[in-house]
């Protein structure tokens, strides 16, 4: 459980072909954390220990939530204790085209939203 919430990052990821929630979720997490630097974290965290950081990743996934590889998502965060929550959300909408050579099973693209909460 996170006692002190320091900041929240948000991101969106899309798998246009292949209908893979893992691809979309990974892209959403990258979008949320990719453009950030946290140079003051060592000053804020207890004992200046980056492993004391707690990170909660919330993912809004439109379909196939049971197919998400939570461990792979956890490995994307380099420090601290990471938890992953899977929520109903995101969007499944037409990509406008079905491409069998892209492993499409239908013409949908999956859009996943990520919220990355960081604290201790």
PDB file of N, CA and C in Angstrom:
ATOM      1  N   UNK A   1       0.837  -1.186   0.000  1.00  0.00           N
ATOM      2  CA  UNK A   1       0.000   0.000   0.000  1.00  0.00           C
ATOM      3  C   UNK A   1       0.885   1.253   0.000  1.00  0.00           C
ATOM      4  N   UNK A   2       0.537   2.197  -0.820  1.00  0.00           N
ATOM      5  CA  UNK A   2       1.310   3.425  -0.959  1.00  0.00           C
ATOM      6  C   UNK A   2       0.824   4.439   0.076  1.00  0.00           C
ATOM      7  N   UNK A   3       1.720   4.895   0.935  1.00  0.00           N
ATOM      8  CA  UNK A   3       1.368   5.893   1.947  1.00  0.00           C
ATOM      9  C   UNK A   3       1.381   7.299   1.377  1.00  0.00           C
ATOM     10  N   UNK A   4       2.388   7.584   0.548  1.00  0.00           N
ATOM     11  CA  UNK A   4       2.554   8.924   0.003  1.00  0.00           C
ATOM     12  C   UNK A   4       2.611   8.857  -1.510  1.00  0.00           C
ATOM     13  N   UNK A   5       1.640   9.463  -2.161  1.00  0.00           N
ATOM     14  CA  UNK A   5       1.605   9.531  -3.616  1.00  0.00           C
ATOM     15  C   UNK A   5       2.339  10.789  -4.045  1.00  0.00           C
ATOM     16  N   UNK A   6       3.388  10.604  -4.857  1.00  0.00           N
ATOM     17  CA  UNK A   6       4.206  11.739  -5.288  1.00  0.00           C
ATOM     18  C   UNK A   6       3.771  12.303  -6.630  1.00  0.00           C
ATOM     19  N   UNK A   7       3.541  11.438  -7.600  1.00  0.00           N
ATOM     20  CA  UNK A   7       3.064  11.918  -8.886  1.00  0.00           C
ATOM     21  C   UNK A   7       2.398  10.803  -9.667  1.00  0.00           C
ATOM     22  N   UNK A   8       1.675  11.232 -10.706  1.00  0.00           N
ATOM     23  CA  UNK A   8       0.933  10.316 -11.569  1.00  0.00           C
ATOM     24  C   UNK A   8       1.308  10.631 -13.009  1.00  0.00           C
ATOM     25  N   UNK A   9       1.613   9.593 -13.758  1.00  0.00           N
ATOM     26  CA  UNK A   9       1.923   9.735 -15.174  1.00  0.00           C
ATOM     27  C   UNK A   9       0.835   8.994 -15.955  1.00  0.00           C
ATOM     28  N   UNK A  10       0.490   9.475 -17.137  1.00  0.00           N
ATOM     29  CA  UNK A  10      -0.546   8.819 -17.939  1.00  0.00           C
ATOM     30  C   UNK A  10      -0.027   8.554 -19.343  1.00  0.00           C
ATOM     31  N   UNK A  11      -0.584   7.524 -19.961  1.00  0.00           N
ATOM     32  CA  UNK A  11      -0.171   7.198 -21.324  1.00  0.00           C
ATOM     33  C   UNK A  11      -1.233   6.392 -22.049  1.00  0.00           C
ATOM     34  N   UNK A  12      -1.068   6.325 -23.346  1.00  0.00           N
ATOM     35  CA  UNK A  12      -1.969   5.573 -24.216  1.00  0.00           C
ATOM     36  C   UNK A  12      -1.139   4.717 -25.150  1.00  0.00           C
ATOM     37  N   UNK A  13      -1.597   3.491 -25.362  1.00  0.00           N
ATOM     38  CA  UNK A  13      -0.923   2.600 -26.291  1.00  0.00           C
ATOM     39  C   UNK A  13      -1.932   1.922 -27.188  1.00  0.00           C
ATOM     40  N   UNK A  14      -1.535   1.688 -28.425  1.00  0.00           N
ATOM     41  CA  UNK A  14      -2.453   1.116 -29.411  1.00  0.00           C
ATOM     42  C   UNK A  14      -1.788  -0.053 -30.121  1.00  0.00           C
ATOM     43  N   UNK A  15      -2.538  -1.143 -30.280  1.00  0.00           N
ATOM     44  CA  UNK A  15      -2.138  -2.222 -31.171  1.00  0.00           C
ATOM     45  C   UNK A  15      -3.127  -2.182 -32.330  1.00  0.00           C
ATOM     46  N   UNK A  16      -2.687  -1.658 -33.466  1.00  0.00           N
ATOM     47  CA  UNK A  16      -3.566  -1.469 -34.621  1.00  0.00           C
ATOM     48  C   UNK A  16      -3.897  -2.804 -35.277  1.00  0.00           C
ATOM     49  N   UNK A  17      -2.952  -3.723 -35.303  1.00  0.00           N
ATOM     50  CA  UNK A  17      -3.186  -5.032 -35.918  1.00  0.00           C
ATOM     51  C   UNK A  17      -2.715  -6.128 -34.971  1.00  0.00           C
ATOM     52  N   UNK A  18      -3.454  -7.193 -34.916  1.00  0.00           N
ATOM     53  CA  UNK A  18      -3.074  -8.338 -34.110  1.00  0.00           C
ATOM     54  C   UNK A  18      -3.891  -8.504 -32.845  1.00  0.00           C
ATOM     55  N   UNK A  19      -4.597  -7.459 -32.440  1.00  0.00           N
ATOM     56  CA  UNK A  19      -5.476  -7.506 -31.282  1.00  0.00           C
ATOM     57  C   UNK A  19      -4.774  -8.084 -30.051  1.00  0.00           C
ATOM     58  N   UNK A  20      -3.595  -7.549 -29.733  1.00  0.00           N
ATOM     59  CA  UNK A  20      -2.791  -8.037 -28.612  1.00  0.00           C
ATOM     60  C   UNK A  20      -2.781  -6.983 -27.499  1.00  0.00           C
ATOM     61  N   UNK A  21      -3.463  -7.305 -26.391  1.00  0.00           N
ATOM     62  CA  UNK A  21      -3.532  -6.349 -25.280  1.00  0.00           C
ATOM     63  C   UNK A  21      -2.152  -6.091 -24.687  1.00  0.00           C
ATOM     64  N   UNK A  22      -1.249  -7.049 -24.781  1.00  0.00           N
ATOM     65  CA  UNK A  22       0.095  -6.861 -24.241  1.00  0.00           C
ATOM     66  C   UNK A  22       0.858  -5.794 -25.015  1.00  0.00           C
ATOM     67  N   UNK A  23       0.759  -5.815 -26.315  1.00  0.00           N
ATOM     68  CA  UNK A  23       1.431  -4.804 -27.143  1.00  0.00           C
ATOM     69  C   UNK A  23       0.890  -3.422 -26.796  1.00  0.00           C
ATOM     70  N   UNK A  24      -0.429  -3.286 -26.746  1.00  0.00           N
ATOM     71  CA  UNK A  24      -1.034  -1.992 -26.448  1.00  0.00           C
ATOM     72  C   UNK A  24      -0.698  -1.537 -25.029  1.00  0.00           C
ATOM     73  N   UNK A  25      -0.716  -2.453 -24.064  1.00  0.00           N
ATOM     74  CA  UNK A  25      -0.413  -2.100 -22.666  1.00  0.00           C
ATOM     75  C   UNK A  25       1.041  -1.667 -22.514  1.00  0.00           C
ATOM     76  N   UNK A  26       1.961  -2.382 -23.133  1.00  0.00           N
ATOM     77  CA  UNK A  26       3.369  -2.006 -23.053  1.00  0.00           C
ATOM     78  C   UNK A  26       3.587  -0.627 -23.656  1.00  0.00           C
ATOM     79  N   UNK A  27       2.942  -0.348 -24.759  1.00  0.00           N
ATOM     80  CA  UNK A  27       3.073   0.964 -25.389  1.00  0.00           C
ATOM     81  C   UNK A  27       2.484   2.061 -24.502  1.00  0.00           C
ATOM     82  N   UNK A  28       1.399   1.754 -23.804  1.00  0.00           N
ATOM     83  CA  UNK A  28       0.789   2.736 -22.901  1.00  0.00           C
ATOM     84  C   UNK A  28       1.713   3.057 -21.729  1.00  0.00           C
ATOM     85  N   UNK A  29       2.359   2.030 -21.168  1.00  0.00           N
ATOM     86  CA  UNK A  29       3.286   2.259 -20.054  1.00  0.00           C
ATOM     87  C   UNK A  29       4.497   3.042 -20.534  1.00  0.00           C
ATOM     88  N   UNK A  30       5.026   2.688 -21.681  1.00  0.00           N
ATOM     89  CA  UNK A  30       6.155   3.440 -22.246  1.00  0.00           C
ATOM     90  C   UNK A  30       5.758   4.899 -22.455  1.00  0.00           C
ATOM     91  N   UNK A  31       4.567   5.125 -22.991  1.00  0.00           N
ATOM     92  CA  UNK A  31       4.094   6.489 -23.211  1.00  0.00           C
ATOM     93  C   UNK A  31       4.010   7.258 -21.890  1.00  0.00           C
ATOM     94  N   UNK A  32       3.607   6.577 -20.836  1.00  0.00           N
ATOM     95  CA  UNK A  32       3.464   7.232 -19.534  1.00  0.00           C
ATOM     96  C   UNK A  32       4.812   7.588 -18.908  1.00  0.00           C
ATOM     97  N   UNK A  33       5.807   6.732 -19.043  1.00  0.00           N
ATOM     98  CA  UNK A  33       7.061   6.946 -18.315  1.00  0.00           C
ATOM     99  C   UNK A  33       8.226   7.422 -19.182  1.00  0.00           C
ATOM    100  N   UNK A  34       8.091   7.333 -20.484  1.00  0.00           N
ATOM    101  CA  UNK A  34       9.211   7.561 -21.392  1.00  0.00           C
ATOM    102  C   UNK A  34       9.783   8.978 -21.353  1.00  0.00           C
ATOM    103  N   UNK A  35       8.944   9.960 -21.150  1.00  0.00           N
ATOM    104  CA  UNK A  35       9.391  11.350 -21.264  1.00  0.00           C
ATOM    105  C   UNK A  35       9.674  11.988 -19.911  1.00  0.00           C
ATOM    106  N   UNK A  36       9.898  11.171 -18.897  1.00  0.00           N
ATOM    107  CA  UNK A  36      10.074  11.707 -17.550  1.00  0.00           C
ATOM    108  C   UNK A  36      11.453  11.404 -17.000  1.00  0.00           C
ATOM    109  N   UNK A  37      11.920  12.329 -16.183  1.00  0.00           N
ATOM    110  CA  UNK A  37      13.123  12.126 -15.401  1.00  0.00           C
ATOM    111  C   UNK A  37      12.760  12.499 -13.969  1.00  0.00           C
ATOM    112  N   UNK A  38      13.248  11.738 -13.025  1.00  0.00           N
ATOM    113  CA  UNK A  38      12.901  11.977 -11.626  1.00  0.00           C
ATOM    114  C   UNK A  38      14.169  12.200 -10.799  1.00  0.00           C
ATOM    115  N   UNK A  39      14.908  13.276 -11.069  1.00  0.00           N
ATOM    116  CA  UNK A  39      16.193  13.469 -10.403  1.00  0.00           C
ATOM    117  C   UNK A  39      16.088  13.674  -8.901  1.00  0.00           C
ATOM    118  N   UNK A  40      14.951  14.105  -8.392  1.00  0.00           N
ATOM    119  CA  UNK A  40      14.817  14.358  -6.968  1.00  0.00           C
ATOM    120  C   UNK A  40      14.302  13.182  -6.156  1.00  0.00           C
ATOM    121  N   UNK A  41      14.046  12.056  -6.798  1.00  0.00           N
ATOM    122  CA  UNK A  41      13.459  10.916  -6.090  1.00  0.00           C
ATOM    123  C   UNK A  41      14.330  10.425  -4.943  1.00  0.00           C
ATOM    124  N   UNK A  42      15.631  10.375  -5.138  1.00  0.00           N
ATOM    125  CA  UNK A  42      16.511   9.883  -4.067  1.00  0.00           C
ATOM    126  C   UNK A  42      16.459  10.786  -2.846  1.00  0.00           C
ATOM    127  N   UNK A  43      16.169  12.059  -3.047  1.00  0.00           N
ATOM    128  CA  UNK A  43      16.064  12.991  -1.928  1.00  0.00           C
ATOM    129  C   UNK A  43      14.744  12.825  -1.184  1.00  0.00           C
ATOM    130  N   UNK A  44      13.736  12.374  -1.872  1.00  0.00           N
ATOM    131  CA  UNK A  44      12.393  12.265  -1.301  1.00  0.00           C
ATOM    132  C   UNK A  44      12.159  10.914  -0.635  1.00  0.00           C
ATOM    133  N   UNK A  45      12.663   9.854  -1.250  1.00  0.00           N
ATOM    134  CA  UNK A  45      12.383   8.501  -0.766  1.00  0.00           C
ATOM    135  C   UNK A  45      13.066   8.226   0.572  1.00  0.00           C
ATOM    136  N   UNK A  46      12.447   7.410   1.404  1.00  0.00           N
ATOM    137  CA  UNK A  46      13.068   7.046   2.686  1.00  0.00           C
ATOM    138  C   UNK A  46      14.481   6.488   2.486  1.00  0.00           C
ATOM    139  N   UNK A  47      15.435   7.036   3.211  1.00  0.00           N
ATOM    140  CA  UNK A  47      16.842   6.635   3.153  1.00  0.00           C
ATOM    141  C   UNK A  47      17.458   6.794   1.764  1.00  0.00           C
ATOM    142  N   UNK A  48      16.828   7.568   0.905  1.00  0.00           N
ATOM    143  CA  UNK A  48      17.366   7.784  -0.439  1.00  0.00           C
ATOM    144  C   UNK A  48      17.436   6.525  -1.275  1.00  0.00           C
ATOM    145  N   UNK A  49      16.616   5.547  -0.949  1.00  0.00           N
ATOM    146  CA  UNK A  49      16.665   4.229  -1.587  1.00  0.00           C
ATOM    147  C   UNK A  49      15.609   4.125  -2.692  1.00  0.00           C
ATOM    148  N   UNK A  50      16.055   4.007  -3.933  1.00  0.00           N
ATOM    149  CA  UNK A  50      15.124   3.889  -5.053  1.00  0.00           C
ATOM    150  C   UNK A  50      14.249   2.633  -4.959  1.00  0.00           C
ATOM    151  N   UNK A  51      14.744   1.617  -4.276  1.00  0.00           N
ATOM    152  CA  UNK A  51      13.939   0.399  -4.127  1.00  0.00           C
ATOM    153  C   UNK A  51      12.787   0.605  -3.144  1.00  0.00           C
ATOM    154  N   UNK A  52      12.803   1.698  -2.379  1.00  0.00           N
ATOM    155  CA  UNK A  52      11.699   2.017  -1.476  1.00  0.00           C
ATOM    156  C   UNK A  52      10.493   2.588  -2.237  1.00  0.00           C
ATOM    157  N   UNK A  53      10.714   2.940  -3.491  1.00  0.00           N
ATOM    158  CA  UNK A  53       9.653   3.487  -4.318  1.00  0.00           C
ATOM    159  C   UNK A  53       8.574   2.431  -4.544  1.00  0.00           C
ATOM    160  N   UNK A  54       7.321   2.860  -4.538  1.00  0.00           N
ATOM    161  CA  UNK A  54       6.193   1.989  -4.880  1.00  0.00           C
ATOM    162  C   UNK A  54       5.553   2.536  -6.132  1.00  0.00           C
ATOM    163  N   UNK A  55       5.296   1.653  -7.057  1.00  0.00           N
ATOM    164  CA  UNK A  55       4.718   2.034  -8.339  1.00  0.00           C
ATOM    165  C   UNK A  55       3.488   1.183  -8.573  1.00  0.00           C
ATOM    166  N   UNK A  56       2.361   1.840  -8.813  1.00  0.00           N
ATOM    167  CA  UNK A  56       1.137   1.129  -9.145  1.00  0.00           C
ATOM    168  C   UNK A  56       0.766   1.475 -10.579  1.00  0.00           C
ATOM    169  N   UNK A  57       0.690   0.460 -11.419  1.00  0.00           N
ATOM    170  CA  UNK A  57       0.328   0.646 -12.819  1.00  0.00           C
ATOM    171  C   UNK A  57      -1.125   0.213 -12.980  1.00  0.00           C
ATOM    172  N   UNK A  58      -1.959   1.144 -13.409  1.00  0.00           N
ATOM    173  CA  UNK A  58      -3.360   0.838 -13.695  1.00  0.00           C
ATOM    174  C   UNK A  58      -3.528   0.835 -15.204  1.00  0.00           C
ATOM    175  N   UNK A  59      -4.134  -0.216 -15.724  1.00  0.00           N
ATOM    176  CA  UNK A  59      -4.323  -0.341 -17.168  1.00  0.00           C
ATOM    177  C   UNK A  59      -5.806  -0.516 -17.482  1.00  0.00           C
ATOM    178  N   UNK A  60      -6.337   0.391 -18.282  1.00  0.00           N
ATOM    179  CA  UNK A  60      -7.705   0.268 -18.785  1.00  0.00           C
ATOM    180  C   UNK A  60      -7.663  -0.468 -20.103  1.00  0.00           C
ATOM    181  N   UNK A  61      -8.190  -1.693 -20.102  1.00  0.00           N
ATOM    182  CA  UNK A  61      -8.073  -2.579 -21.264  1.00  0.00           C
ATOM    183  C   UNK A  61      -9.475  -2.935 -21.764  1.00  0.00           C
ATOM    184  N   UNK A  62      -9.733  -2.797 -23.079  1.00  0.00           N
ATOM    185  CA  UNK A  62     -11.086  -2.987 -23.588  1.00  0.00           C
ATOM    186  C   UNK A  62     -11.543  -4.440 -23.724  1.00  0.00           C
ATOM    187  N   UNK A  63     -10.625  -5.342 -24.006  1.00  0.00           N
ATOM    188  CA  UNK A  63     -10.970  -6.757 -24.225  1.00  0.00           C
ATOM    189  C   UNK A  63      -9.785  -7.619 -23.823  1.00  0.00           C
ATOM    190  N   UNK A  64     -10.045  -8.898 -23.650  1.00  0.00           N
ATOM    191  CA  UNK A  64      -8.981  -9.888 -23.399  1.00  0.00           C
ATOM    192  C   UNK A  64      -8.110  -9.526 -22.205  1.00  0.00           C
ATOM    193  N   UNK A  65      -8.718  -8.924 -21.169  1.00  0.00           N
ATOM    194  CA  UNK A  65      -7.946  -8.510 -19.986  1.00  0.00           C
ATOM    195  C   UNK A  65      -7.206  -9.677 -19.349  1.00  0.00           C
ATOM    196  N   UNK A  66      -7.780 -10.862 -19.446  1.00  0.00           N
ATOM    197  CA  UNK A  66      -7.153 -12.053 -18.857  1.00  0.00           C
ATOM    198  C   UNK A  66      -5.885 -12.472 -19.598  1.00  0.00           C
ATOM    199  N   UNK A  67      -5.634 -11.922 -20.760  1.00  0.00           N
ATOM    200  CA  UNK A  67      -4.443 -12.269 -21.535  1.00  0.00           C
ATOM    201  C   UNK A  67      -3.235 -11.383 -21.216  1.00  0.00           C
ATOM    202  N   UNK A  68      -3.429 -10.383 -20.362  1.00  0.00           N
ATOM    203  CA  UNK A  68      -2.326  -9.478 -20.043  1.00  0.00           C
ATOM    204  C   UNK A  68      -1.269 -10.201 -19.215  1.00  0.00           C
ATOM    205  N   UNK A  69      -0.015 -10.041 -19.594  1.00  0.00           N
ATOM    206  CA  UNK A  69       1.119 -10.588 -18.856  1.00  0.00           C
ATOM    207  C   UNK A  69       1.573  -9.528 -17.837  1.00  0.00           C
ATOM    208  N   UNK A  70       1.025  -9.596 -16.630  1.00  0.00           N
ATOM    209  CA  UNK A  70       1.335  -8.600 -15.599  1.00  0.00           C
ATOM    210  C   UNK A  70       2.815  -8.585 -15.243  1.00  0.00           C
ATOM    211  N   UNK A  71       3.449  -9.746 -15.250  1.00  0.00           N
ATOM    212  CA  UNK A  71       4.877  -9.803 -14.900  1.00  0.00           C
ATOM    213  C   UNK A  71       5.725  -9.029 -15.897  1.00  0.00           C
ATOM    214  N   UNK A  72       5.362  -9.102 -17.160  1.00  0.00           N
ATOM    215  CA  UNK A  72       6.101  -8.356 -18.178  1.00  0.00           C
ATOM    216  C   UNK A  72       5.928  -6.852 -17.980  1.00  0.00           C
ATOM    217  N   UNK A  73       4.737  -6.440 -17.588  1.00  0.00           N
ATOM    218  CA  UNK A  73       4.497  -5.026 -17.304  1.00  0.00           C
ATOM    219  C   UNK A  73       5.336  -4.600 -16.098  1.00  0.00           C
ATOM    220  N   UNK A  74       5.372  -5.413 -15.058  1.00  0.00           N
ATOM    221  CA  UNK A  74       6.168  -5.095 -13.866  1.00  0.00           C
ATOM    222  C   UNK A  74       7.643  -4.919 -14.213  1.00  0.00           C
ATOM    223  N   UNK A  75       8.147  -5.735 -15.122  1.00  0.00           N
ATOM    224  CA  UNK A  75       9.560  -5.666 -15.504  1.00  0.00           C
ATOM    225  C   UNK A  75       9.910  -4.377 -16.242  1.00  0.00           C
ATOM    226  N   UNK A  76       8.908  -3.666 -16.736  1.00  0.00           N
ATOM    227  CA  UNK A  76       9.161  -2.418 -17.447  1.00  0.00           C
ATOM    228  C   UNK A  76       9.556  -1.291 -16.499  1.00  0.00           C
ATOM    229  N   UNK A  77       9.261  -1.449 -15.218  1.00  0.00           N
ATOM    230  CA  UNK A  77       9.556  -0.420 -14.226  1.00  0.00           C
ATOM    231  C   UNK A  77      10.867  -0.803 -13.545  1.00  0.00           C
ATOM    232  N   UNK A  78      11.913   0.016 -13.664  1.00  0.00           N
ATOM    233  CA  UNK A  78      13.246  -0.399 -13.222  1.00  0.00           C
ATOM    234  C   UNK A  78      13.494  -0.393 -11.707  1.00  0.00           C
ATOM    235  N   UNK A  79      12.676   0.323 -10.931  1.00  0.00           N
ATOM    236  CA  UNK A  79      12.946   0.442  -9.496  1.00  0.00           C
ATOM    237  C   UNK A  79      11.685   0.209  -8.683  1.00  0.00           C
ATOM    238  N   UNK A  80      11.890  -0.202  -7.444  1.00  0.00           N
ATOM    239  CA  UNK A  80      10.814  -0.262  -6.487  1.00  0.00           C
ATOM    240  C   UNK A  80       9.953  -1.502  -6.567  1.00  0.00           C
ATOM    241  N   UNK A  81       8.891  -1.455  -5.784  1.00  0.00           N
ATOM    242  CA  UNK A  81       7.888  -2.511  -5.757  1.00  0.00           C
ATOM    243  C   UNK A  81       6.775  -2.107  -6.699  1.00  0.00           C
ATOM    244  N   UNK A  82       6.453  -2.979  -7.643  1.00  0.00           N
ATOM    245  CA  UNK A  82       5.492  -2.639  -8.687  1.00  0.00           C
ATOM    246  C   UNK A  82       4.264  -3.525  -8.563  1.00  0.00           C
ATOM    247  N   UNK A  83       3.094  -2.901  -8.643  1.00  0.00           N
ATOM    248  CA  UNK A  83       1.839  -3.641  -8.719  1.00  0.00           C
ATOM    249  C   UNK A  83       1.132  -3.243 -10.008  1.00  0.00           C
ATOM    250  N   UNK A  84       0.299  -4.146 -10.506  1.00  0.00           N
ATOM    251  CA  UNK A  84      -0.434  -3.899 -11.748  1.00  0.00           C
ATOM    252  C   UNK A  84      -1.910  -4.171 -11.499  1.00  0.00           C
ATOM    253  N   UNK A  85      -2.727  -3.180 -11.813  1.00  0.00           N
ATOM    254  CA  UNK A  85      -4.177  -3.320 -11.732  1.00  0.00           C
ATOM    255  C   UNK A  85      -4.733  -3.312 -13.153  1.00  0.00           C
ATOM    256  N   UNK A  86      -5.595  -4.273 -13.436  1.00  0.00           N
ATOM    257  CA  UNK A  86      -6.236  -4.336 -14.745  1.00  0.00           C
ATOM    258  C   UNK A  86      -7.697  -3.941 -14.571  1.00  0.00           C
ATOM    259  N   UNK A  87      -8.089  -2.923 -15.306  1.00  0.00           N
ATOM    260  CA  UNK A  87      -9.434  -2.371 -15.198  1.00  0.00           C
ATOM    261  C   UNK A  87     -10.136  -2.419 -16.544  1.00  0.00           C
ATOM    262  N   UNK A  88     -11.440  -2.397 -16.491  1.00  0.00           N
ATOM    263  CA  UNK A  88     -12.202  -2.264 -17.729  1.00  0.00           C
ATOM    264  C   UNK A  88     -12.016  -0.841 -18.218  1.00  0.00           C
ATOM    265  N   UNK A  89     -11.681  -0.688 -19.470  1.00  0.00           N
ATOM    266  CA  UNK A  89     -11.457   0.652 -20.004  1.00  0.00           C
ATOM    267  C   UNK A  89     -10.853   0.585 -21.386  1.00  0.00           C
ATOM    268  N   UNK A  90     -10.256   1.661 -21.795  1.00  0.00           N
ATOM    269  CA  UNK A  90      -9.677   1.705 -23.134  1.00  0.00           C
ATOM    270  C   UNK A  90     -10.766   1.681 -24.192  1.00  0.00           C
ATOM    271  N   UNK A  91     -10.395   1.184 -25.359  1.00  0.00           N
ATOM    272  CA  UNK A  91     -11.332   1.181 -26.471  1.00  0.00           C
ATOM    273  C   UNK A  91     -10.919   0.127 -27.485  1.00  0.00           C
ATOM    274  N   UNK A  92     -11.901  -0.594 -27.997  1.00  0.00           N
ATOM    275  CA  UNK A  92     -11.702  -1.470 -29.152  1.00  0.00           C
ATOM    276  C   UNK A  92     -12.540  -0.864 -30.268  1.00  0.00           C
ATOM    277  N   UNK A  93     -11.874  -0.457 -31.334  1.00  0.00           N
ATOM    278  CA  UNK A  93     -12.581   0.199 -32.432  1.00  0.00           C
ATOM    279  C   UNK A  93     -12.005  -0.279 -33.752  1.00  0.00           C
ATOM    280  N   UNK A  94     -12.702  -0.063 -34.807  1.00  0.00           N
ATOM    281  CA  UNK A  94     -12.238  -0.559 -36.100  1.00  0.00           C
ATOM    282  C   UNK A  94     -10.940   0.122 -36.531  1.00  0.00           C
ATOM    283  N   UNK A  95     -10.076  -0.681 -37.106  1.00  0.00           N
ATOM    284  CA  UNK A  95      -8.861  -0.141 -37.717  1.00  0.00           C
ATOM    285  C   UNK A  95      -9.130   0.221 -39.167  1.00  0.00           C
ATOM    286  N   UNK A  96     -10.282  -0.209 -39.661  1.00  0.00           N
ATOM    287  CA  UNK A  96     -10.664   0.083 -41.036  1.00  0.00           C
ATOM    288  C   UNK A  96     -10.193  -0.953 -42.037  1.00  0.00           C
ATOM    289  N   UNK A  97      -9.407  -1.944 -41.544  1.00  0.00           N
ATOM    290  CA  UNK A  97      -8.889  -2.949 -42.470  1.00  0.00           C
ATOM    291  C   UNK A  97      -8.535  -4.228 -41.703  1.00  0.00           C
ATOM    292  N   UNK A  98      -8.737  -5.349 -42.353  1.00  0.00           N
ATOM    293  CA  UNK A  98      -8.352  -6.660 -41.817  1.00  0.00           C
ATOM    294  C   UNK A  98      -7.140  -7.135 -42.605  1.00  0.00           C
ATOM    295  N   UNK A  99      -6.019  -7.383 -41.909  1.00  0.00           N
ATOM    296  CA  UNK A  99      -4.795  -7.830 -42.568  1.00  0.00           C
ATOM    297  C   UNK A  99      -4.349  -9.151 -41.950  1.00  0.00           C
ATOM    298  N   UNK A 100      -4.626 -10.222 -42.648  1.00  0.00           N
ATOM    299  CA  UNK A 100      -4.266 -11.549 -42.147  1.00  0.00           C
ATOM    300  C   UNK A 100      -2.765 -11.675 -41.936  1.00  0.00           C
ATOM    301  N   UNK A 101      -1.964 -11.052 -42.815  1.00  0.00           N
ATOM    302  CA  UNK A 101      -0.503 -11.130 -42.698  1.00  0.00           C
ATOM    303  C   UNK A 101       0.025 -10.384 -41.461  1.00  0.00           C
ATOM    304  N   UNK A 102      -0.814  -9.580 -40.814  1.00  0.00           N
ATOM    305  CA  UNK A 102      -0.458  -8.891 -39.568  1.00  0.00           C
ATOM    306  C   UNK A 102      -1.053  -9.614 -38.355  1.00  0.00           C
ATOM    307  N   UNK A 103      -1.465 -10.847 -38.552  1.00  0.00           N
ATOM    308  CA  UNK A 103      -2.055 -11.681 -37.507  1.00  0.00           C
ATOM    309  C   UNK A 103      -3.388 -11.133 -36.989  1.00  0.00           C
ATOM    310  N   UNK A 104      -4.085 -10.362 -37.813  1.00  0.00           N
ATOM    311  CA  UNK A 104      -5.407  -9.891 -37.420  1.00  0.00           C
ATOM    312  C   UNK A 104      -6.363 -11.062 -37.293  1.00  0.00           C
ATOM    313  N   UNK A 105      -7.190 -11.025 -36.265  1.00  0.00           N
ATOM    314  CA  UNK A 105      -8.287 -11.990 -36.125  1.00  0.00           C
ATOM    315  C   UNK A 105      -9.608 -11.310 -36.450  1.00  0.00           C
ATOM    316  N   UNK A 106      -9.582  -9.970 -36.533  1.00  0.00           N
ATOM    317  CA  UNK A 106     -10.729  -9.160 -36.927  1.00  0.00           C
ATOM    318  C   UNK A 106     -10.187  -7.794 -37.349  1.00  0.00           C
ATOM    319  N   UNK A 107     -11.068  -6.828 -37.544  1.00  0.00           N
ATOM    320  CA  UNK A 107     -10.588  -5.507 -37.992  1.00  0.00           C
ATOM    321  C   UNK A 107     -10.462  -4.498 -36.846  1.00  0.00           C
ATOM    322  N   UNK A 108     -10.360  -4.983 -35.610  1.00  0.00           N
ATOM    323  CA  UNK A 108     -10.290  -4.080 -34.467  1.00  0.00           C
ATOM    324  C   UNK A 108      -8.860  -3.681 -34.118  1.00  0.00           C
ATOM    325  N   UNK A 109      -8.727  -2.471 -33.575  1.00  0.00           N
ATOM    326  CA  UNK A 109      -7.491  -2.063 -32.918  1.00  0.00           C
ATOM    327  C   UNK A 109      -7.831  -1.888 -31.443  1.00  0.00           C
ATOM    328  N   UNK A 110      -6.864  -2.235 -30.593  1.00  0.00           N
ATOM    329  CA  UNK A 110      -7.046  -2.115 -29.151  1.00  0.00           C
ATOM    330  C   UNK A 110      -6.292  -0.887 -28.649  1.00  0.00           C
ATOM    331  N   UNK A 111      -6.987  -0.070 -27.884  1.00  0.00           N
ATOM    332  CA  UNK A 111      -6.393   1.122 -27.283  1.00  0.00           C
ATOM    333  C   UNK A 111      -6.428   0.920 -25.767  1.00  0.00           C
ATOM    334  N   UNK A 112      -5.266   1.012 -25.143  1.00  0.00           N
ATOM    335  CA  UNK A 112      -5.135   0.816 -23.696  1.00  0.00           C
ATOM    336  C   UNK A 112      -4.667   2.116 -23.068  1.00  0.00           C
ATOM    337  N   UNK A 113      -5.261   2.467 -21.936  1.00  0.00           N
ATOM    338  CA  UNK A 113      -4.839   3.638 -21.175  1.00  0.00           C
ATOM    339  C   UNK A 113      -4.081   3.183 -19.943  1.00  0.00           C
ATOM    340  N   UNK A 114      -3.005   3.906 -19.630  1.00  0.00           N
ATOM    341  CA  UNK A 114      -2.188   3.585 -18.459  1.00  0.00           C
ATOM    342  C   UNK A 114      -2.132   4.779 -17.520  1.00  0.00           C
ATOM    343  N   UNK A 115      -2.191   4.472 -16.235  1.00  0.00           N
ATOM    344  CA  UNK A 115      -1.935   5.439 -15.183  1.00  0.00           C
ATOM    345  C   UNK A 115      -0.833   4.824 -14.328  1.00  0.00           C
ATOM    346  N   UNK A 116       0.265   5.543 -14.177  1.00  0.00           N
ATOM    347  CA  UNK A 116       1.382   5.057 -13.379  1.00  0.00           C
ATOM    348  C   UNK A 116       1.503   5.966 -12.163  1.00  0.00           C
ATOM    349  N   UNK A 117       1.198   5.411 -11.000  1.00  0.00           N
ATOM    350  CA  UNK A 117       1.278   6.152  -9.750  1.00  0.00           C
ATOM    351  C   UNK A 117       2.600   5.844  -9.074  1.00  0.00           C
ATOM    352  N   UNK A 118       3.301   6.880  -8.628  1.00  0.00           N
ATOM    353  CA  UNK A 118       4.607   6.700  -8.003  1.00  0.00           C
ATOM    354  C   UNK A 118       4.594   7.366  -6.636  1.00  0.00           C
ATOM    355  N   UNK A 119       5.115   6.638  -5.671  1.00  0.00           N
ATOM    356  CA  UNK A 119       5.200   7.166  -4.310  1.00  0.00           C
ATOM    357  C   UNK A 119       6.021   6.238  -3.442  1.00  0.00           C
ATOM    358  N   UNK A 120       5.703   6.225  -2.160  1.00  0.00           N
ATOM    359  CA  UNK A 120       6.371   5.312  -1.228  1.00  0.00           C
ATOM    360  C   UNK A 120       5.458   5.003  -0.071  1.00  0.00           C
TER     361      UNK A 120
END
